Amino acid sequence: MELLYDIDEDGVWLARTLRCIREAYSEGEDSYADNLDPCLNPETCSTSMLKAVCWFLGQHIDNHEVPYNEFVKRMGSLGPEDIRRKAVSHKAANGGALWVNTYRGLVEIWNFHRTDAKKIKWKTIGSIAKLGSKGVTPVSWGDDKLGNR
């Protein structure tokens, strides 16, 4: 979490990533109370999942290859355990860090049932720490203006 927070030194990337996961796995606004959000749990917010979602946002959403709402819906259609299984399978076949393979699993989920022209390719060169905040919009979580300072 610290790594994601430190990308822009303001927590915008961390907030974007957590919001994406929350929107994918929540049952709606009424599914959480007293600031305890059951969809933000150790399964959905593992280190690998956080880094993978952050990287996907930076590589495909911010480059307008993938519509955000459609990605959230597609990711939410599979449970975090399904995504983890895809990551483990990719890791066995390709090696590398589990978070990179979790990202590959997210790309696979996006590409499922798409024509070749609409599929996206893995973008695994670069560093999460260098995503930066250029062009990144701070997010709002209702009354909490996280990132809007």
Protein backbone atom coordinates (compact mmCIF):
# COMPACT_ATOMS: atom_id res chain seq x y z
CA MET A 1 0.00 0.00 0.00
CA GLU A 2 2.89 2.33 0.80
CA LEU A 3 4.32 1.86 -2.69
CA LEU A 4 1.03 2.88 -4.29
CA TYR A 5 0.65 5.82 -1.93
CA ASP A 6 4.18 7.00 -2.69
CA ILE A 7 3.77 6.95 -6.49
CA ASP A 8 2.48 10.51 -6.45
CA GLU A 9 3.21 11.34 -2.79
CA ASP A 10 -0.44 12.22 -2.33
CA GLY A 11 -2.20 8.84 -2.31
CA VAL A 12 -4.13 9.43 -5.54
CA TRP A 13 -3.00 6.14 -7.13
CA LEU A 14 -3.79 4.20 -3.97
CA ALA A 15 -7.25 5.78 -3.79
CA ARG A 16 -7.94 5.05 -7.49
CA THR A 17 -6.89 1.44 -7.05
CA LEU A 18 -8.97 0.89 -3.90
CA ARG A 19 -11.96 2.59 -5.47
CA CYS A 20 -11.73 0.36 -8.55
CA ILE A 21 -11.65 -2.75 -6.37
CA ARG A 22 -14.50 -1.47 -4.21
CA GLU A 23 -16.64 -0.72 -7.26
CA ALA A 24 -15.90 -4.15 -8.73
CA TYR A 25 -16.75 -6.14 -5.61
CA SER A 26 -19.30 -4.12 -3.66
CA GLU A 27 -22.97 -4.90 -3.78
CA GLY A 28 -23.80 -1.21 -3.84
CA GLU A 29 -23.59 1.80 -1.57
CA ASP A 30 -25.52 0.02 1.20
CA SER A 31 -23.06 -2.88 1.45
CA TYR A 32 -20.81 -1.08 3.91
CA ALA A 33 -21.39 0.94 7.04
CA ASP A 34 -19.32 2.88 9.55
CA ASN A 35 -16.46 3.15 7.02
CA LEU A 36 -15.96 -0.63 7.13
CA ASP A 37 -16.12 -1.88 3.58
CA PRO A 38 -16.38 -5.68 3.43
CA CYS A 39 -15.33 -5.78 -0.22
CA LEU A 40 -11.92 -4.30 0.70
CA ASN A 41 -10.53 -7.38 2.39
CA PRO A 42 -7.33 -9.48 2.30
CA GLU A 43 -8.49 -11.34 -0.82
CA THR A 44 -9.41 -8.32 -2.90
CA CYS A 45 -6.61 -6.14 -1.52
CA SER A 46 -3.66 -8.51 -1.55
CA THR A 47 -0.36 -6.92 -2.54
CA SER A 48 -0.55 -8.65 -5.92
CA MET A 49 -4.10 -7.48 -6.59
CA LEU A 50 -3.38 -3.87 -5.57
CA LYS A 51 -0.29 -3.64 -7.77
CA ALA A 52 -1.98 -5.43 -10.70
CA VAL A 53 -5.07 -3.21 -10.66
CA CYS A 54 -2.91 -0.10 -10.32
CA TRP A 55 -0.76 -1.18 -13.28
CA PHE A 56 -3.86 -2.03 -15.37
CA LEU A 57 -5.31 1.41 -14.64
CA GLY A 58 -2.07 3.11 -15.65
CA GLN A 59 -1.46 1.06 -18.77
CA HIS A 60 -4.91 0.54 -20.24
CA ILE A 61 -7.48 2.83 -18.62
CA ASP A 62 -5.38 6.00 -18.68
CA ASN A 63 -4.34 5.27 -22.29
CA HIS A 64 -8.02 4.95 -23.28
CA GLU A 65 -7.65 1.36 -24.49
CA VAL A 66 -10.24 0.10 -22.01
CA PRO A 67 -13.32 1.90 -20.66
CA TYR A 68 -13.10 2.07 -16.87
CA ASN A 69 -16.72 1.09 -16.13
CA GLU A 70 -16.54 -1.92 -18.42
CA PHE A 71 -13.28 -3.07 -16.80
CA VAL A 72 -14.78 -2.72 -13.30
CA LYS A 73 -17.81 -4.75 -14.34
CA ARG A 74 -15.70 -7.46 -15.97
CA MET A 75 -13.28 -7.71 -13.02
CA GLY A 76 -16.22 -7.90 -10.61
CA SER A 77 -17.76 -10.76 -12.57
CA LEU A 78 -14.90 -12.99 -11.39
CA GLY A 79 -14.02 -13.42 -7.77
CA PRO A 80 -10.58 -12.54 -6.47
CA GLU A 81 -9.86 -16.26 -6.04
CA ASP A 82 -10.49 -16.81 -9.76
CA ILE A 83 -8.06 -14.01 -10.57
CA ARG A 84 -5.49 -15.47 -8.17
CA ARG A 85 -5.79 -18.88 -9.87
CA LYS A 86 -5.15 -17.24 -13.26
CA ALA A 87 -2.12 -15.47 -11.77
CA VAL A 88 -0.68 -18.70 -10.38
CA SER A 89 -1.19 -20.38 -13.75
CA HIS A 90 0.55 -17.50 -15.57
CA LYS A 91 3.37 -17.57 -13.01
CA ALA A 92 3.94 -21.28 -13.64
CA ALA A 93 4.05 -20.70 -17.40
CA ASN A 94 5.93 -17.38 -17.56
CA GLY A 95 7.75 -16.94 -14.25
CA GLY A 96 8.02 -13.48 -12.74
CA ALA A 97 6.42 -11.73 -9.80
CA LEU A 98 2.94 -12.76 -8.72
CA TRP A 99 1.61 -9.21 -9.15
CA VAL A 100 2.74 -9.13 -12.81
CA ASN A 101 0.96 -12.42 -13.37
CA THR A 102 -2.14 -11.10 -11.59
CA TYR A 103 -2.04 -8.23 -14.08
CA ARG A 104 -1.74 -10.77 -16.90
CA GLY A 105 -4.81 -12.49 -15.46
CA LEU A 106 -6.70 -9.18 -15.56
CA VAL A 107 -5.72 -8.75 -19.22
CA GLU A 108 -6.93 -12.30 -19.89
CA ILE A 109 -10.23 -11.49 -18.18
CA TRP A 110 -10.58 -8.36 -20.32
CA ASN A 111 -9.77 -10.23 -23.54
CA PHE A 112 -12.18 -13.13 -22.90
CA HIS A 113 -14.73 -13.43 -25.75
CA ARG A 114 -13.27 -10.43 -27.62
CA THR A 115 -12.25 -10.42 -31.25
CA ASP A 116 -8.53 -10.19 -31.99
CA ALA A 117 -8.98 -6.56 -33.01
CA LYS A 118 -10.43 -5.68 -29.60
CA LYS A 119 -7.95 -7.59 -27.44
CA ILE A 120 -5.28 -5.74 -25.50
CA LYS A 121 -1.69 -6.86 -25.06
CA TRP A 122 0.33 -7.22 -21.88
CA LYS A 123 2.43 -4.20 -21.01
CA THR A 124 4.95 -5.48 -18.51
CA ILE A 125 7.88 -3.14 -19.08
CA GLY A 126 8.22 -0.26 -16.68
CA SER A 127 7.80 0.42 -13.00
CA ILE A 128 4.78 1.08 -10.83
CA ALA A 129 6.82 3.62 -8.89
CA LYS A 130 7.25 5.67 -12.09
CA LEU A 131 3.57 5.94 -13.02
CA GLY A 132 3.50 9.46 -11.60
CA SER A 133 0.51 11.71 -11.24
CA LYS A 134 0.52 13.45 -14.63
CA GLY A 135 -3.05 13.52 -15.85
CA VAL A 136 -4.35 11.46 -12.93
CA THR A 137 -7.61 12.70 -11.50
CA PRO A 138 -8.02 12.58 -7.71
CA VAL A 139 -11.02 10.56 -6.59
CA SER A 140 -13.79 11.35 -4.17
CA TRP A 141 -15.35 8.76 -1.86
CA GLY A 142 -18.51 10.60 -0.90
CA ASP A 143 -17.75 12.94 2.00
CA ASP A 144 -14.09 11.92 2.02
CA LYS A 145 -12.25 14.06 -0.50
CA LEU A 146 -9.21 11.78 -0.62
CA GLY A 147 -6.72 13.33 -3.00
CA ASN A 148 -8.62 16.61 -3.35
CA ARG A 149 -6.49 18.96 -1.30
